Amino acid sequence: MKDFGAIMKQAQAMQQKLADAQAKIAELTAEGTSGGGMVTVVLKGGGDLASVTFDESLIAPGEGEVIADLVVAAHADAKRKLDAAQAELMREATGGLAGMPGLPKF
C-alpha cells in the first residue's frame, strides 16, 4: 500500500490540474458558422453567446425565418466545437481519468 502522504499529494495535484483546466475552459471561445459563413456566432467557455454576425445579404425583408434557422445552426456548430475543446482540456488535466467516480464526465 502506498504512503498515505503520497496519495494525498497526488490528489492535491489532480485537484490543481482540474482547477487549472476549469480556468482554461472559462477563457475558451468557439466560433460556429452556418449558411456557408453567412451567420457566425461566438460562444464563451461557459456556453454563453458572445456575438452574432450576419452577412449583409441576409438582412432583407422576408429573411427573418432563414436568419433564425441559420443562427440556431451556427450556435449548434460553435457549441459542438466548444464541448470538444473542453473535453480535450479535461482529458489532459485528468490524464484520461475523466468519468471515473468523483471526476467530471467529458
N, C-alpha and C. Protein backbone atom coordinates (compact mmCIF):
# COMPACT_ATOMS: atom_id res chain seq x y z
N MET A 1 0.85 -1.18 0.00
CA MET A 1 0.00 0.00 0.00
C MET A 1 0.89 1.24 0.00
N LYS A 2 0.52 2.22 -0.81
CA LYS A 2 1.30 3.43 -0.89
C LYS A 2 1.19 4.25 0.38
N ASP A 3 2.17 5.06 0.56
CA ASP A 3 2.19 6.00 1.68
C ASP A 3 0.99 6.95 1.55
N PHE A 4 0.24 7.13 2.64
CA PHE A 4 -0.94 7.99 2.62
C PHE A 4 -0.57 9.41 2.21
N GLY A 5 0.56 9.90 2.65
CA GLY A 5 1.01 11.25 2.28
C GLY A 5 1.20 11.39 0.78
N ALA A 6 1.74 10.36 0.15
CA ALA A 6 1.95 10.39 -1.30
C ALA A 6 0.62 10.40 -2.03
N ILE A 7 -0.33 9.62 -1.52
CA ILE A 7 -1.66 9.59 -2.13
C ILE A 7 -2.32 10.96 -2.02
N MET A 8 -2.19 11.60 -0.87
CA MET A 8 -2.76 12.94 -0.68
C MET A 8 -2.12 13.95 -1.61
N LYS A 9 -0.80 13.85 -1.80
CA LYS A 9 -0.11 14.77 -2.73
C LYS A 9 -0.62 14.57 -4.16
N GLN A 10 -0.84 13.31 -4.54
CA GLN A 10 -1.36 13.04 -5.87
C GLN A 10 -2.77 13.62 -6.03
N ALA A 11 -3.59 13.47 -4.99
CA ALA A 11 -4.95 14.00 -5.04
C ALA A 11 -4.93 15.53 -5.13
N GLN A 12 -4.05 16.16 -4.39
CA GLN A 12 -3.93 17.62 -4.44
C GLN A 12 -3.44 18.07 -5.81
N ALA A 13 -2.50 17.32 -6.39
CA ALA A 13 -2.00 17.66 -7.72
C ALA A 13 -3.13 17.54 -8.75
N MET A 14 -3.95 16.50 -8.62
CA MET A 14 -5.09 16.31 -9.53
C MET A 14 -6.09 17.45 -9.36
N GLN A 15 -6.36 17.85 -8.14
CA GLN A 15 -7.28 18.96 -7.89
C GLN A 15 -6.76 20.24 -8.54
N GLN A 16 -5.46 20.48 -8.46
CA GLN A 16 -4.87 21.67 -9.06
C GLN A 16 -4.99 21.61 -10.58
N LYS A 17 -4.73 20.44 -11.16
CA LYS A 17 -4.86 20.29 -12.61
C LYS A 17 -6.29 20.55 -13.05
N LEU A 18 -7.26 20.04 -12.28
CA LEU A 18 -8.67 20.27 -12.61
C LEU A 18 -9.02 21.75 -12.51
N ALA A 19 -8.53 22.41 -11.47
CA ALA A 19 -8.79 23.84 -11.30
C ALA A 19 -8.18 24.62 -12.45
N ASP A 20 -6.96 24.25 -12.86
CA ASP A 20 -6.31 24.92 -13.99
C ASP A 20 -7.10 24.70 -15.27
N ALA A 21 -7.58 23.46 -15.47
CA ALA A 21 -8.36 23.16 -16.67
C ALA A 21 -9.67 23.95 -16.68
N GLN A 22 -10.31 24.07 -15.53
CA GLN A 22 -11.56 24.84 -15.46
C GLN A 22 -11.31 26.32 -15.75
N ALA A 23 -10.18 26.84 -15.31
CA ALA A 23 -9.84 28.23 -15.61
C ALA A 23 -9.62 28.40 -17.11
N LYS A 24 -8.96 27.43 -17.75
CA LYS A 24 -8.74 27.49 -19.20
C LYS A 24 -10.06 27.39 -19.94
N ILE A 25 -10.96 26.53 -19.45
CA ILE A 25 -12.28 26.39 -20.08
C ILE A 25 -13.03 27.72 -20.05
N ALA A 26 -12.95 28.42 -18.93
CA ALA A 26 -13.64 29.70 -18.81
C ALA A 26 -13.13 30.71 -19.83
N GLU A 27 -11.87 30.57 -20.25
CA GLU A 27 -11.26 31.51 -21.20
C GLU A 27 -11.48 31.10 -22.65
N LEU A 28 -11.96 29.88 -22.88
CA LEU A 28 -12.18 29.41 -24.25
C LEU A 28 -13.25 30.22 -24.95
N THR A 29 -13.12 30.28 -26.26
CA THR A 29 -14.20 30.75 -27.12
C THR A 29 -14.26 29.79 -28.30
N ALA A 30 -15.42 29.66 -28.88
CA ALA A 30 -15.59 28.84 -30.08
C ALA A 30 -16.48 29.59 -31.04
N GLU A 31 -16.10 29.54 -32.31
CA GLU A 31 -16.86 30.20 -33.36
C GLU A 31 -17.57 29.14 -34.18
N GLY A 32 -18.84 29.37 -34.43
CA GLY A 32 -19.61 28.47 -35.27
C GLY A 32 -20.21 29.24 -36.43
N THR A 33 -20.32 28.57 -37.57
CA THR A 33 -20.87 29.23 -38.75
C THR A 33 -21.96 28.36 -39.37
N SER A 34 -22.78 29.00 -40.17
CA SER A 34 -23.79 28.28 -40.94
C SER A 34 -24.07 29.08 -42.20
N GLY A 35 -24.79 28.45 -43.11
CA GLY A 35 -25.12 29.13 -44.37
C GLY A 35 -23.90 29.51 -45.17
N GLY A 36 -22.88 28.68 -45.13
CA GLY A 36 -21.65 28.99 -45.88
C GLY A 36 -20.96 30.23 -45.37
N GLY A 37 -21.08 30.47 -44.07
CA GLY A 37 -20.42 31.63 -43.47
C GLY A 37 -21.30 32.86 -43.41
N MET A 38 -22.56 32.72 -43.75
CA MET A 38 -23.46 33.88 -43.74
C MET A 38 -23.83 34.29 -42.32
N VAL A 39 -23.78 33.33 -41.38
CA VAL A 39 -24.04 33.62 -39.97
C VAL A 39 -22.89 33.05 -39.16
N THR A 40 -22.37 33.87 -38.26
CA THR A 40 -21.29 33.44 -37.37
C THR A 40 -21.68 33.79 -35.94
N VAL A 41 -21.50 32.82 -35.03
CA VAL A 41 -21.72 33.08 -33.62
C VAL A 41 -20.45 32.71 -32.87
N VAL A 42 -20.22 33.41 -31.76
CA VAL A 42 -19.09 33.11 -30.89
C VAL A 42 -19.64 32.79 -29.51
N LEU A 43 -19.21 31.65 -28.95
CA LEU A 43 -19.60 31.24 -27.61
C LEU A 43 -18.42 31.37 -26.67
N LYS A 44 -18.70 31.76 -25.44
CA LYS A 44 -17.70 31.76 -24.38
C LYS A 44 -17.62 30.37 -23.78
N GLY A 45 -16.59 30.12 -22.99
CA GLY A 45 -16.35 28.80 -22.41
C GLY A 45 -17.52 28.21 -21.67
N GLY A 46 -18.31 29.02 -21.01
CA GLY A 46 -19.47 28.52 -20.28
C GLY A 46 -20.67 28.27 -21.17
N GLY A 47 -20.55 28.55 -22.45
CA GLY A 47 -21.64 28.35 -23.39
C GLY A 47 -22.46 29.60 -23.66
N ASP A 48 -22.10 30.71 -23.02
CA ASP A 48 -22.83 31.96 -23.25
C ASP A 48 -22.54 32.49 -24.65
N LEU A 49 -23.57 33.02 -25.29
CA LEU A 49 -23.44 33.60 -26.61
C LEU A 49 -22.75 34.95 -26.49
N ALA A 50 -21.60 35.10 -27.13
CA ALA A 50 -20.82 36.33 -27.02
C ALA A 50 -21.12 37.30 -28.17
N SER A 51 -21.32 36.77 -29.38
CA SER A 51 -21.62 37.65 -30.51
C SER A 51 -22.28 36.88 -31.64
N VAL A 52 -23.00 37.63 -32.47
CA VAL A 52 -23.65 37.10 -33.66
C VAL A 52 -23.34 38.07 -34.80
N THR A 53 -22.91 37.53 -35.94
CA THR A 53 -22.60 38.35 -37.11
C THR A 53 -23.37 37.80 -38.30
N PHE A 54 -24.01 38.70 -39.06
CA PHE A 54 -24.78 38.31 -40.24
C PHE A 54 -24.14 38.87 -41.49
N ASP A 55 -24.18 38.10 -42.56
CA ASP A 55 -23.81 38.61 -43.87
C ASP A 55 -24.89 39.62 -44.28
N GLU A 56 -24.48 40.72 -44.84
CA GLU A 56 -25.42 41.79 -45.21
C GLU A 56 -26.53 41.30 -46.15
N SER A 57 -26.25 40.29 -46.95
CA SER A 57 -27.26 39.81 -47.91
C SER A 57 -28.47 39.19 -47.22
N LEU A 58 -28.32 38.79 -45.97
CA LEU A 58 -29.44 38.20 -45.22
C LEU A 58 -30.42 39.24 -44.70
N ILE A 59 -29.95 40.45 -44.57
CA ILE A 59 -30.76 41.48 -43.94
C ILE A 59 -31.65 42.13 -45.00
N ALA A 60 -32.70 41.39 -45.32
CA ALA A 60 -33.66 41.85 -46.31
C ALA A 60 -35.05 41.42 -45.83
N PRO A 61 -36.07 42.14 -46.24
CA PRO A 61 -37.42 41.77 -45.84
C PRO A 61 -37.74 40.32 -46.22
N GLY A 62 -38.39 39.62 -45.32
CA GLY A 62 -38.79 38.25 -45.58
C GLY A 62 -37.72 37.21 -45.27
N GLU A 63 -36.59 37.62 -44.79
CA GLU A 63 -35.50 36.68 -44.50
C GLU A 63 -35.42 36.30 -43.02
N GLY A 64 -36.36 36.75 -42.22
CA GLY A 64 -36.32 36.51 -40.78
C GLY A 64 -36.25 35.04 -40.40
N GLU A 65 -37.05 34.20 -41.03
CA GLU A 65 -37.06 32.77 -40.70
C GLU A 65 -35.73 32.12 -41.09
N VAL A 66 -35.19 32.50 -42.23
CA VAL A 66 -33.90 31.97 -42.68
C VAL A 66 -32.82 32.37 -41.68
N ILE A 67 -32.83 33.63 -41.27
CA ILE A 67 -31.82 34.11 -40.31
C ILE A 67 -31.93 33.33 -39.00
N ALA A 68 -33.13 33.15 -38.51
CA ALA A 68 -33.32 32.42 -37.25
C ALA A 68 -32.78 31.00 -37.36
N ASP A 69 -33.07 30.31 -38.45
CA ASP A 69 -32.58 28.94 -38.65
C ASP A 69 -31.05 28.92 -38.72
N LEU A 70 -30.47 29.89 -39.38
CA LEU A 70 -29.01 29.94 -39.51
C LEU A 70 -28.34 30.25 -38.18
N VAL A 71 -28.96 31.09 -37.35
CA VAL A 71 -28.40 31.37 -36.03
C VAL A 71 -28.39 30.11 -35.18
N VAL A 72 -29.49 29.37 -35.21
CA VAL A 72 -29.57 28.11 -34.44
C VAL A 72 -28.50 27.13 -34.93
N ALA A 73 -28.31 27.02 -36.23
CA ALA A 73 -27.31 26.10 -36.78
C ALA A 73 -25.89 26.54 -36.42
N ALA A 74 -25.63 27.84 -36.49
CA ALA A 74 -24.30 28.34 -36.14
C ALA A 74 -24.02 28.14 -34.66
N HIS A 75 -25.04 28.34 -33.82
CA HIS A 75 -24.88 28.11 -32.39
C HIS A 75 -24.56 26.65 -32.13
N ALA A 76 -25.26 25.75 -32.78
CA ALA A 76 -25.00 24.31 -32.60
C ALA A 76 -23.58 23.95 -33.03
N ASP A 77 -23.10 24.56 -34.11
CA ASP A 77 -21.74 24.32 -34.59
C ASP A 77 -20.72 24.80 -33.56
N ALA A 78 -20.92 26.00 -33.03
CA ALA A 78 -20.00 26.55 -32.02
C ALA A 78 -20.05 25.73 -30.73
N LYS A 79 -21.23 25.30 -30.32
CA LYS A 79 -21.37 24.52 -29.09
C LYS A 79 -20.64 23.18 -29.21
N ARG A 80 -20.75 22.53 -30.36
CA ARG A 80 -20.07 21.27 -30.59
C ARG A 80 -18.55 21.46 -30.49
N LYS A 81 -18.04 22.53 -31.08
CA LYS A 81 -16.60 22.82 -31.02
C LYS A 81 -16.16 23.14 -29.60
N LEU A 82 -16.97 23.91 -28.90
CA LEU A 82 -16.66 24.27 -27.52
C LEU A 82 -16.64 23.03 -26.63
N ASP A 83 -17.62 22.16 -26.78
CA ASP A 83 -17.66 20.93 -26.00
C ASP A 83 -16.43 20.07 -26.26
N ALA A 84 -16.01 19.99 -27.52
CA ALA A 84 -14.83 19.19 -27.86
C ALA A 84 -13.57 19.78 -27.23
N ALA A 85 -13.44 21.09 -27.26
CA ALA A 85 -12.26 21.74 -26.66
C ALA A 85 -12.25 21.55 -25.15
N GLN A 86 -13.41 21.67 -24.52
CA GLN A 86 -13.50 21.46 -23.08
C GLN A 86 -13.15 20.03 -22.71
N ALA A 87 -13.66 19.08 -23.47
CA ALA A 87 -13.38 17.67 -23.19
C ALA A 87 -11.89 17.38 -23.32
N GLU A 88 -11.24 17.96 -24.32
CA GLU A 88 -9.81 17.75 -24.50
C GLU A 88 -9.02 18.33 -23.33
N LEU A 89 -9.39 19.52 -22.88
CA LEU A 89 -8.71 20.11 -21.72
C LEU A 89 -8.87 19.24 -20.48
N MET A 90 -10.05 18.70 -20.28
CA MET A 90 -10.28 17.86 -19.11
C MET A 90 -9.54 16.53 -19.23
N ARG A 91 -9.47 15.96 -20.45
CA ARG A 91 -8.70 14.72 -20.64
C ARG A 91 -7.23 14.96 -20.31
N GLU A 92 -6.71 16.12 -20.74
CA GLU A 92 -5.31 16.46 -20.44
C GLU A 92 -5.11 16.63 -18.94
N ALA A 93 -6.06 17.27 -18.29
CA ALA A 93 -5.92 17.56 -16.85
C ALA A 93 -6.03 16.30 -16.01
N THR A 94 -6.86 15.35 -16.46
CA THR A 94 -7.09 14.15 -15.65
C THR A 94 -6.26 12.97 -16.10
N GLY A 95 -5.47 13.16 -17.14
CA GLY A 95 -4.68 12.06 -17.63
C GLY A 95 -5.54 10.93 -18.17
N GLY A 96 -6.70 11.26 -18.71
CA GLY A 96 -7.59 10.24 -19.25
C GLY A 96 -8.50 9.61 -18.23
N LEU A 97 -8.52 10.10 -17.02
CA LEU A 97 -9.34 9.51 -15.97
C LEU A 97 -10.73 10.13 -15.86
N ALA A 98 -11.05 11.10 -16.70
CA ALA A 98 -12.36 11.74 -16.64
C ALA A 98 -13.45 10.69 -16.76
N GLY A 99 -14.48 10.83 -15.97
CA GLY A 99 -15.58 9.88 -15.98
C GLY A 99 -15.49 8.86 -14.86
N MET A 100 -14.36 8.79 -14.19
CA MET A 100 -14.25 7.88 -13.05
C MET A 100 -15.04 8.48 -11.89
N PRO A 101 -15.46 7.66 -10.95
CA PRO A 101 -16.26 8.18 -9.82
C PRO A 101 -15.57 9.37 -9.15
N GLY A 102 -16.32 10.44 -9.00
CA GLY A 102 -15.81 11.65 -8.36
C GLY A 102 -15.18 12.64 -9.31
N LEU A 103 -15.01 12.26 -10.57
CA LEU A 103 -14.42 13.16 -11.58
C LEU A 103 -15.48 13.51 -12.62
N PRO A 104 -15.38 14.71 -13.21
CA PRO A 104 -16.36 15.10 -14.23
C PRO A 104 -16.30 14.18 -15.44
N LYS A 105 -17.43 14.02 -16.11
CA LYS A 105 -17.50 13.23 -17.33
C LYS A 105 -17.45 14.16 -18.52
N PHE A 106 -16.46 14.00 -19.38
CA PHE A 106 -16.34 14.81 -20.60
C PHE A 106 -16.12 13.94 -21.79
